[in-house]
Amino acid sequence: MSELPPVAKDMFDDLRASVASVAEPLHAAGHRVYLVGGRVRDRLLAVDRTLDHDLTTDAPPERIRDLVAGVADAVWLQGERFGTVGLRVGDVTMEITTHRAEAYVSDSRKPVVRFSTKLAEDLARRDFTVNAMAVDVADGTLYDPFGGRADLEARILRTPLDPVESFSDDPLRMLRAARFLSRYELISVEGLVEAARSLVGRMEIVSAERIRDELFRLLEVEDPTAGFDLLDEMGLLETVLPEVAALETSRRVALGRRVAGAPVDAVLRLCVLAHAVDSEDVLGRWVSALRLSGRDAARAQTLLDGVAMVAEQGAEPSDEDVRRLAVRAGDRLDDVVAFAGLVGVGFAGTALVELIARLRAVGEFDDLGPGLDGATVMKLLDLEAGPGVGEVMAWLGELRLVEGRLPDEEVQSRLHERWGTSGD
């Protein structure tokens, strides 16, 4: 490969300027500060994405904290024990991390962190060469000891160190490889897949939360197909999403196309995968295995339950069918209908949309609860609080779903007709 031309002297000037106020006190104290990681990579690719600024320095974390305190509008110290200080200056958010070398011990989920004063050692412990580049904030010099820029040009995914060593240090990098392969249309270097296959068991030391977060990042790539193919080659798909890995190849290929065609929304795309798996309570297993948040789990359950109702309702849904669907879906009714269309279920098309629009226009979804409240029921039927009132309220709820919104007088008439009064 021919030698790459030098980078333009002013390529990183705006990025350097955005962190200058933080770098200045570190420089004054005799430390070096470098932009590193995604901002550098994306600038070389001429990609403009919203990312926080990642910095690395030879200053120890307690020194970073003391030196930036006077210039930062806010400081976060949750990661200080791992060498990272988070801060915000104006509308610029950044993390400054002490140069480090880290490796997992054989049976621990926590990295053993050793700080360093050498930039090259820090870059060697980055995940891939395309992320192992740094720009000196002081003078704009690009440091690229592992050929990350050339790998970007050649679209090669490679680890700075031997992949066995790199993946063993942090097994999550094997999953991360899938995201980078997909997002930047890279090709894995020879030996990378084989190294991952030999280390699949190391994923046991990675927390479920980190696996979930990285899986979600892969699902947020516009077309994650190549990444999922790589996970399958590595033997990791069986570890992360075993039910998807068990699908026949032709079904998995079709599923990949469907996921790529879905909106870029990790939870929604996870639901597309779950719907395609012919396995009872697959979502429940994934909620547990991936430690999904309560909010994400509830949203996913609503989408999958809703599409199951759509499937059961057949080609000609009734008003009652749609009211019941609205009760289950709540404020996600339109999302459920869109999801049903996305996965090709039942009548989820123009007919359903028009039916929902008609019922919504006449206020059918404004209040789908019982037509009378409990106090009114007790007064009309001369009842005292207890199970009997609950039974009547359940009947009123069913009446509302079956026959729609009725005038109060009609509801009361039906109530007396069905239940009479306590004095009868």
Protein backbone atom coordinates (compact mmCIF):
# COMPACT_ATOMS: atom_id res chain seq x y z
CA MET A 1 0.00 0.00 0.00
CA SER A 2 1.35 3.44 -0.91
CA GLU A 3 2.23 5.83 1.87
CA LEU A 4 -0.62 8.05 2.94
CA PRO A 5 -0.24 11.80 2.52
CA PRO A 6 0.15 13.80 5.73
CA VAL A 7 -3.03 15.07 7.33
CA ALA A 8 -3.88 18.72 6.88
CA LYS A 9 -2.36 20.87 9.60
CA ASP A 10 -5.70 22.40 10.49
CA MET A 11 -7.78 19.18 10.36
CA PHE A 12 -8.31 19.02 14.12
CA ASP A 13 -8.10 22.72 14.98
CA ASP A 14 -11.78 23.11 15.89
CA LEU A 15 -11.70 20.02 18.10
CA ARG A 16 -8.56 21.23 19.83
CA ALA A 17 -10.15 24.63 20.40
CA SER A 18 -13.24 23.06 21.95
CA VAL A 19 -11.17 21.42 24.70
CA ALA A 20 -8.47 24.10 25.04
CA SER A 21 -9.81 25.55 28.28
CA VAL A 22 -9.50 22.15 29.95
CA ALA A 23 -6.13 21.31 28.41
CA GLU A 24 -4.53 24.61 29.44
CA PRO A 25 -4.28 23.95 33.20
CA LEU A 26 -2.95 20.45 32.50
CA HIS A 27 -0.35 21.84 30.09
CA ALA A 28 0.63 24.49 32.64
CA ALA A 29 1.23 21.76 35.19
CA GLY A 30 3.55 19.92 32.79
CA HIS A 31 1.15 17.27 31.47
CA ARG A 32 0.26 16.29 27.90
CA VAL A 33 -3.33 16.01 26.70
CA TYR A 34 -4.58 14.18 23.61
CA LEU A 35 -7.86 13.83 21.76
CA VAL A 36 -8.44 10.13 21.20
CA GLY A 37 -10.92 7.61 19.86
CA GLY A 38 -14.13 8.32 17.99
CA ARG A 39 -13.69 12.04 17.37
CA VAL A 40 -10.30 11.44 15.72
CA ARG A 41 -11.54 8.46 13.72
CA ASP A 42 -14.64 10.21 12.44
CA ARG A 43 -12.75 13.37 11.49
CA LEU A 44 -10.36 11.28 9.37
CA LEU A 45 -13.42 9.70 7.73
CA ALA A 46 -15.03 13.12 7.23
CA VAL A 47 -18.01 11.84 9.24
CA ASP A 48 -19.86 14.31 11.43
CA ARG A 49 -21.54 12.57 14.34
CA THR A 50 -22.47 13.87 17.77
CA LEU A 51 -19.92 12.39 20.14
CA ASP A 52 -18.50 13.45 23.46
CA HIS A 53 -14.85 14.47 23.46
CA ASP A 54 -12.55 11.73 24.78
CA LEU A 55 -9.18 12.86 26.07
CA THR A 56 -6.24 10.97 27.49
CA THR A 57 -3.39 12.35 29.58
CA ASP A 58 -0.35 11.34 31.59
CA ALA A 59 -1.79 13.10 34.65
CA PRO A 60 -3.16 10.80 37.38
CA PRO A 61 -6.91 11.02 38.03
CA GLU A 62 -6.69 12.98 41.27
CA ARG A 63 -4.49 15.51 39.50
CA ILE A 64 -6.97 15.80 36.64
CA ARG A 65 -9.77 16.42 39.12
CA ASP A 66 -7.90 19.21 40.89
CA LEU A 67 -6.65 20.92 37.74
CA VAL A 68 -9.97 21.05 35.85
CA ALA A 69 -12.09 22.07 38.85
CA GLY A 70 -11.55 25.74 38.14
CA VAL A 71 -12.59 25.65 34.47
CA ALA A 72 -15.37 23.04 34.35
CA ASP A 73 -19.03 23.93 34.80
CA ALA A 74 -19.72 20.42 36.10
CA VAL A 75 -17.52 17.46 37.06
CA TRP A 76 -18.43 13.77 37.41
CA LEU A 77 -16.17 11.48 39.44
CA GLN A 78 -17.99 8.14 39.18
CA GLY A 79 -15.20 6.74 37.00
CA GLU A 80 -12.29 8.26 38.91
CA ARG A 81 -11.14 4.95 40.37
CA PHE A 82 -10.76 3.70 36.79
CA GLY A 83 -8.87 6.83 35.82
CA THR A 84 -11.72 8.78 34.20
CA VAL A 85 -13.01 12.24 35.12
CA GLY A 86 -16.12 13.47 33.32
CA LEU A 87 -16.83 17.15 32.89
CA ARG A 88 -18.77 19.77 30.99
CA VAL A 89 -17.58 23.17 29.83
CA GLY A 90 -20.42 25.17 28.31
CA ASP A 91 -22.17 22.80 25.93
CA VAL A 92 -19.09 20.58 25.45
CA THR A 93 -19.07 17.29 27.37
CA MET A 94 -15.84 15.33 27.69
CA GLU A 95 -14.07 12.58 29.59
CA ILE A 96 -10.40 12.77 30.51
CA THR A 97 -8.75 9.43 31.24
CA THR A 98 -5.27 8.77 32.57
CA HIS A 99 -3.13 6.69 30.17
CA ARG A 100 -3.72 3.15 31.21
CA ALA A 101 -3.15 -0.50 30.51
CA GLU A 102 -5.90 -2.81 31.69
CA ALA A 103 -6.60 -6.52 31.68
CA TYR A 104 -9.29 -8.71 33.20
CA VAL A 105 -8.25 -11.35 35.65
CA SER A 106 -9.52 -14.79 34.70
CA ASP A 107 -12.71 -14.87 36.78
CA SER A 108 -13.58 -11.22 37.36
CA ARG A 109 -16.05 -8.83 35.76
CA LYS A 110 -13.95 -5.87 36.95
CA PRO A 111 -10.87 -4.69 35.05
CA VAL A 112 -7.57 -4.49 36.87
CA VAL A 113 -6.37 -0.99 36.02
CA ARG A 114 -2.75 0.06 35.88
CA PHE A 115 -2.10 3.69 35.04
CA SER A 116 0.70 4.66 32.68
CA THR A 117 2.58 7.77 31.58
CA LYS A 118 3.07 6.47 28.02
CA LEU A 119 0.63 7.33 25.24
CA ALA A 120 1.71 4.35 23.11
CA GLU A 121 0.89 1.93 25.93
CA ASP A 122 -2.57 3.47 26.28
CA LEU A 123 -3.23 3.25 22.53
CA ALA A 124 -2.08 -0.38 22.49
CA ARG A 125 -4.92 -1.23 24.88
CA ARG A 126 -7.61 0.34 22.70
CA ASP A 127 -10.05 -2.01 21.01
CA PHE A 128 -9.17 -1.52 17.31
CA THR A 129 -6.50 0.31 15.37
CA VAL A 130 -9.09 2.69 13.92
CA ASN A 131 -9.69 3.88 17.49
CA ALA A 132 -6.03 3.78 18.55
CA MET A 133 -5.09 7.21 17.21
CA ALA A 134 -4.54 10.40 19.20
CA VAL A 135 -4.12 14.09 18.45
CA ASP A 136 -1.94 16.26 20.67
CA VAL A 137 -4.14 19.12 21.81
CA ALA A 138 -1.06 21.37 22.10
CA ASP A 139 0.14 21.22 18.51
CA GLY A 140 -2.27 19.05 16.47
CA THR A 141 0.19 16.22 15.86
CA LEU A 142 -1.51 12.93 14.95
CA TYR A 143 -0.10 9.85 16.72
CA ASP A 144 -0.90 6.62 14.92
CA PRO A 145 1.52 3.92 16.08
CA PHE A 146 -0.66 0.99 14.91
CA GLY A 147 -1.64 2.16 11.44
CA GLY A 148 -5.24 3.03 12.20
CA ARG A 149 -5.41 5.64 9.47
CA ALA A 150 -4.22 3.17 6.84
CA ASP A 151 -6.72 0.62 8.14
CA LEU A 152 -9.50 3.19 7.77
CA GLU A 153 -8.45 3.81 4.18
CA ALA A 154 -8.34 0.07 3.45
CA ARG A 155 -11.52 -0.58 5.47
CA ILE A 156 -9.78 -3.14 7.69
CA LEU A 157 -10.85 -4.11 11.22
CA ARG A 158 -7.77 -5.03 13.24
CA THR A 159 -6.73 -4.98 16.89
CA PRO A 160 -3.59 -3.06 17.94
CA LEU A 161 -2.21 -6.12 19.71
CA ASP A 162 -2.63 -9.78 18.81
CA PRO A 163 -6.41 -10.35 18.77
CA VAL A 164 -6.17 -13.14 21.33
CA GLU A 165 -4.51 -10.76 23.77
CA SER A 166 -6.83 -7.88 22.95
CA PHE A 167 -10.04 -9.94 23.21
CA SER A 168 -8.85 -11.68 26.33
CA ASP A 169 -8.18 -8.32 28.02
CA ASP A 170 -11.77 -7.24 27.38
CA PRO A 171 -14.03 -9.89 25.78
CA LEU A 172 -16.69 -7.28 25.02
CA ARG A 173 -14.43 -6.16 22.17
CA MET A 174 -15.55 -9.25 20.26
CA LEU A 175 -19.12 -7.99 20.33
CA ARG A 176 -17.96 -4.45 19.60
CA ALA A 177 -16.20 -5.73 16.48
CA ALA A 178 -19.59 -6.49 14.97
CA ARG A 179 -20.74 -2.90 15.40
CA PHE A 180 -17.62 -1.40 13.85
CA LEU A 181 -17.70 -3.87 10.98
CA SER A 182 -21.28 -2.84 10.16
CA ARG A 183 -21.09 0.89 10.80
CA TYR A 184 -17.90 1.51 8.83
CA GLU A 185 -18.21 -1.32 6.28
CA LEU A 186 -14.95 -2.91 7.40
CA ILE A 187 -13.47 -6.32 6.69
CA SER A 188 -12.02 -8.30 9.58
CA VAL A 189 -8.33 -9.05 9.28
CA GLU A 190 -7.22 -12.67 9.02
CA GLY A 191 -7.09 -14.33 12.42
CA LEU A 192 -9.59 -12.04 14.14
CA VAL A 193 -12.56 -14.41 13.79
CA GLU A 194 -10.49 -17.42 14.82
CA ALA A 195 -9.24 -15.60 17.92
CA ALA A 196 -12.80 -14.75 18.91
CA ARG A 197 -13.95 -18.34 18.44
CA SER A 198 -11.25 -19.51 20.81
CA LEU A 199 -12.36 -17.02 23.47
CA VAL A 200 -16.16 -17.24 23.39
CA GLY A 201 -16.10 -18.63 26.93
CA ARG A 202 -14.49 -15.40 28.15
CA MET A 203 -17.80 -13.59 27.61
CA GLU A 204 -18.90 -15.12 30.91
CA ILE A 205 -16.92 -12.46 32.78
CA VAL A 206 -18.68 -9.59 30.98
CA SER A 207 -21.69 -8.16 32.77
CA ALA A 208 -25.13 -8.49 31.21
CA GLU A 209 -25.48 -4.71 31.25
CA ARG A 210 -22.36 -4.18 29.11
CA ILE A 211 -23.50 -6.88 26.68
CA ARG A 212 -26.94 -5.26 26.43
CA ASP A 213 -25.51 -1.82 25.81
CA GLU A 214 -23.21 -3.07 23.05
CA LEU A 215 -25.98 -5.13 21.46
CA PHE A 216 -28.19 -2.05 21.43
CA ARG A 217 -25.42 -0.04 19.76
CA LEU A 218 -25.20 -2.69 17.05
CA LEU A 219 -28.98 -2.58 16.59
CA GLU A 220 -28.71 1.19 16.17
CA VAL A 221 -26.41 0.85 13.16
CA GLU A 222 -28.40 1.59 10.01
CA ASP A 223 -27.77 -1.89 8.59
CA PRO A 224 -26.42 -4.28 11.25
CA THR A 225 -26.57 -7.34 8.97
CA ALA A 226 -22.82 -7.73 8.51
CA GLY A 227 -22.31 -7.39 12.25
CA PHE A 228 -24.76 -10.19 13.04
CA ASP A 229 -23.08 -12.34 10.39
CA LEU A 230 -19.75 -11.71 12.12
CA LEU A 231 -21.20 -12.65 15.51
CA ASP A 232 -22.41 -15.88 13.98
CA GLU A 233 -18.98 -16.60 12.49
CA MET A 234 -17.36 -15.91 15.85
CA GLY A 235 -19.77 -18.20 17.68
CA LEU A 236 -20.99 -15.25 19.76
CA LEU A 237 -24.53 -15.05 18.41
CA GLU A 238 -25.33 -18.29 20.20
CA THR A 239 -24.11 -16.73 23.43
CA VAL A 240 -25.88 -13.37 23.11
CA LEU A 241 -29.11 -14.33 21.29
CA PRO A 242 -29.23 -18.15 21.17
CA GLU A 243 -32.78 -18.27 19.84
CA VAL A 244 -31.78 -16.18 16.80
CA ALA A 245 -28.69 -18.30 16.24
CA ALA A 246 -30.89 -21.41 16.18
CA LEU A 247 -32.93 -20.17 13.22
CA GLU A 248 -32.37 -21.80 9.84
CA THR A 249 -30.00 -19.84 7.63
CA SER A 250 -32.68 -18.78 5.16
CA ARG A 251 -34.92 -17.47 7.96
CA ARG A 252 -32.04 -15.62 9.56
CA VAL A 253 -31.13 -13.98 6.24
CA ALA A 254 -34.73 -12.84 5.75
CA LEU A 255 -34.82 -11.62 9.35
CA GLY A 256 -31.65 -9.61 8.79
CA ARG A 257 -33.30 -7.82 5.89
CA ARG A 258 -36.35 -7.08 8.02
CA VAL A 259 -34.26 -5.66 10.85
CA ALA A 260 -32.27 -3.50 8.43
CA GLY A 261 -35.55 -2.18 7.02
CA ALA A 262 -36.93 -1.25 10.43
CA PRO A 263 -36.53 2.23 11.96
CA VAL A 264 -33.21 2.67 13.75
CA ASP A 265 -34.53 1.93 17.22
CA ALA A 266 -32.81 -0.73 19.33
CA VAL A 267 -35.88 -1.82 21.33
CA LEU A 268 -38.08 -1.95 18.23
CA ARG A 269 -35.50 -3.99 16.34
CA LEU A 270 -35.08 -6.34 19.30
CA CYS A 271 -38.84 -6.89 19.10
CA VAL A 272 -38.51 -7.72 15.40
CA LEU A 273 -36.01 -10.41 16.37
CA ALA A 274 -38.20 -11.70 19.20
CA HIS A 275 -41.28 -11.89 16.97
CA ALA A 276 -39.39 -13.99 14.43
CA VAL A 277 -38.32 -16.54 17.02
CA ASP A 278 -40.80 -19.37 17.39
CA SER A 279 -40.19 -19.81 21.09
CA GLU A 280 -42.43 -19.24 24.09
CA ASP A 281 -41.60 -16.20 26.25
CA VAL A 282 -38.41 -15.40 24.36
CA LEU A 283 -38.80 -11.77 25.42
CA GLY A 284 -38.96 -12.77 29.07
CA ARG A 285 -35.67 -14.63 28.73
CA TRP A 286 -34.03 -11.68 26.98
CA VAL A 287 -35.33 -9.22 29.57
CA SER A 288 -33.62 -11.31 32.24
CA ALA A 289 -30.45 -12.21 30.34
CA LEU A 290 -29.83 -8.68 29.06
CA ARG A 291 -31.10 -6.86 32.16
CA LEU A 292 -33.47 -4.70 30.12
CA SER A 293 -34.74 -1.64 31.94
CA GLY A 294 -38.33 -1.69 33.15
CA ARG A 295 -39.24 0.95 30.60
CA ASP A 296 -37.72 -0.94 27.66
CA ALA A 297 -39.20 -4.25 28.81
CA ALA A 298 -42.69 -2.75 29.16
CA ARG A 299 -42.50 -1.15 25.73
CA ALA A 300 -41.31 -4.38 24.12
CA GLN A 301 -44.01 -6.40 25.86
CA THR A 302 -46.70 -3.99 24.68
CA LEU A 303 -45.52 -4.23 21.06
CA LEU A 304 -45.36 -8.03 21.09
CA ASP A 305 -48.65 -8.50 22.95
CA GLY A 306 -50.31 -5.99 20.65
CA VAL A 307 -49.12 -7.68 17.47
CA ALA A 308 -50.31 -11.02 18.87
CA MET A 309 -53.78 -9.51 19.33
CA VAL A 310 -53.70 -8.18 15.78
CA ALA A 311 -52.82 -11.64 14.52
CA GLU A 312 -55.72 -13.21 16.43
CA GLN A 313 -58.31 -10.71 15.23
CA GLY A 314 -58.27 -11.88 11.63
CA ALA A 315 -58.88 -10.06 8.38
CA GLU A 316 -62.00 -8.14 9.43
CA PRO A 317 -61.58 -6.69 12.92
CA SER A 318 -64.62 -5.35 14.71
CA ASP A 319 -64.92 -2.14 16.64
CA GLU A 320 -64.74 -4.25 19.79
CA ASP A 321 -61.49 -5.83 18.60
CA VAL A 322 -59.92 -2.42 18.13
CA ARG A 323 -61.16 -1.13 21.48
CA ARG A 324 -59.59 -4.13 23.20
CA LEU A 325 -56.36 -3.53 21.29
CA ALA A 326 -56.44 0.11 22.38
CA VAL A 327 -56.82 -0.91 26.03
CA ARG A 328 -53.79 -3.21 25.80
CA ALA A 329 -51.65 -0.80 23.82
CA GLY A 330 -52.58 2.38 25.69
CA ASP A 331 -50.76 5.36 24.24
CA ARG A 332 -48.72 3.00 22.04
CA LEU A 333 -51.67 2.01 19.84
CA ASP A 334 -50.20 3.62 16.73
CA ASP A 335 -46.80 2.08 17.51
CA VAL A 336 -48.37 -1.38 17.74
CA VAL A 337 -50.11 -0.93 14.40
CA ALA A 338 -46.87 0.25 12.78
CA PHE A 339 -45.00 -2.68 14.30
CA ALA A 340 -47.62 -5.14 13.06
CA GLY A 341 -47.19 -3.75 9.56
CA LEU A 342 -43.42 -3.97 9.91
CA VAL A 343 -43.48 -7.67 10.75
CA GLY A 344 -46.23 -8.43 8.23
CA VAL A 345 -48.93 -9.52 10.64
CA GLY A 346 -52.61 -9.88 9.77
CA PHE A 347 -54.63 -6.94 8.51
CA ALA A 348 -52.21 -4.31 9.76
CA GLY A 349 -52.67 -2.02 6.82
CA THR A 350 -54.98 0.68 5.51
CA ALA A 351 -58.16 -0.99 6.81
CA LEU A 352 -56.95 -1.06 10.40
CA VAL A 353 -55.59 2.47 10.24
CA GLU A 354 -58.90 3.74 8.87
CA LEU A 355 -60.88 1.86 11.54
CA ILE A 356 -58.74 3.34 14.30
CA ALA A 357 -59.09 6.82 12.78
CA ARG A 358 -62.89 6.49 12.70
CA LEU A 359 -63.14 5.39 16.33
CA ARG A 360 -60.66 8.00 17.47
CA ALA A 361 -62.62 10.75 15.71
CA VAL A 362 -65.76 10.01 17.73
CA GLY A 363 -63.86 9.87 21.03
CA GLU A 364 -63.92 6.11 21.49
CA PHE A 365 -60.38 6.07 22.89
CA ASP A 366 -60.76 9.06 25.20
CA ASP A 367 -61.81 6.89 28.13
CA LEU A 368 -62.06 3.14 27.72
CA GLY A 369 -62.84 2.45 31.35
CA PRO A 370 -66.27 1.58 32.87
CA GLY A 371 -69.04 4.05 32.06
CA LEU A 372 -69.71 4.73 35.76
CA ASP A 373 -67.43 5.13 38.75
CA GLY A 374 -67.54 2.97 41.86
CA ALA A 375 -69.28 5.56 44.05
CA THR A 376 -72.08 5.95 41.53
CA VAL A 377 -72.50 2.18 41.25
CA MET A 378 -72.78 1.82 45.05
CA LYS A 379 -75.37 4.57 45.19
CA LEU A 380 -77.48 3.28 42.30
CA LEU A 381 -77.45 -0.32 43.54
CA ASP A 382 -77.36 0.51 47.25
CA LEU A 383 -74.16 -1.49 47.70
CA GLU A 384 -71.39 -1.26 50.26
CA ALA A 385 -67.73 -1.39 49.30
CA GLY A 386 -66.59 -4.95 48.68
CA PRO A 387 -66.12 -7.69 46.08
CA GLY A 388 -69.62 -7.13 44.74
CA VAL A 389 -68.72 -3.64 43.56
CA GLY A 390 -65.64 -5.02 41.80
CA GLU A 391 -67.76 -7.57 39.97
CA VAL A 392 -70.15 -4.88 38.76
CA MET A 393 -67.28 -2.64 37.66
CA ALA A 394 -65.75 -5.50 35.66
CA TRP A 395 -69.11 -6.02 33.94
CA LEU A 396 -69.34 -2.31 33.13
CA GLY A 397 -65.82 -2.45 31.69
CA GLU A 398 -66.85 -5.28 29.39
CA LEU A 399 -69.98 -3.41 28.36
CA ARG A 400 -67.82 -0.43 27.38
CA LEU A 401 -65.54 -2.58 25.21
CA VAL A 402 -68.32 -4.58 23.57
CA GLU A 403 -70.76 -1.76 22.77
CA GLY A 404 -68.61 1.33 22.87
CA ARG A 405 -69.40 4.67 24.46
CA LEU A 406 -73.04 4.82 25.67
CA PRO A 407 -74.99 7.73 27.20
CA ASP A 408 -75.00 7.73 31.01
CA GLU A 409 -78.74 7.07 31.01
CA GLU A 410 -78.29 3.99 28.85
CA VAL A 411 -75.50 2.67 31.06
CA GLN A 412 -77.64 3.12 34.17
CA SER A 413 -80.58 1.40 32.49
CA ARG A 414 -78.39 -1.55 31.52
CA LEU A 415 -77.00 -1.63 35.05
CA HIS A 416 -80.44 -1.93 36.65
CA GLU A 417 -81.55 -4.41 34.02
CA ARG A 418 -78.60 -6.67 34.73
CA TRP A 419 -78.10 -6.19 38.46
CA GLY A 420 -81.34 -4.74 39.81
CA THR A 421 -80.98 -3.02 43.18
CA SER A 422 -80.08 -4.34 46.59
CA GLY A 423 -83.68 -3.86 47.70
CA ASP A 424 -85.20 -6.08 44.99
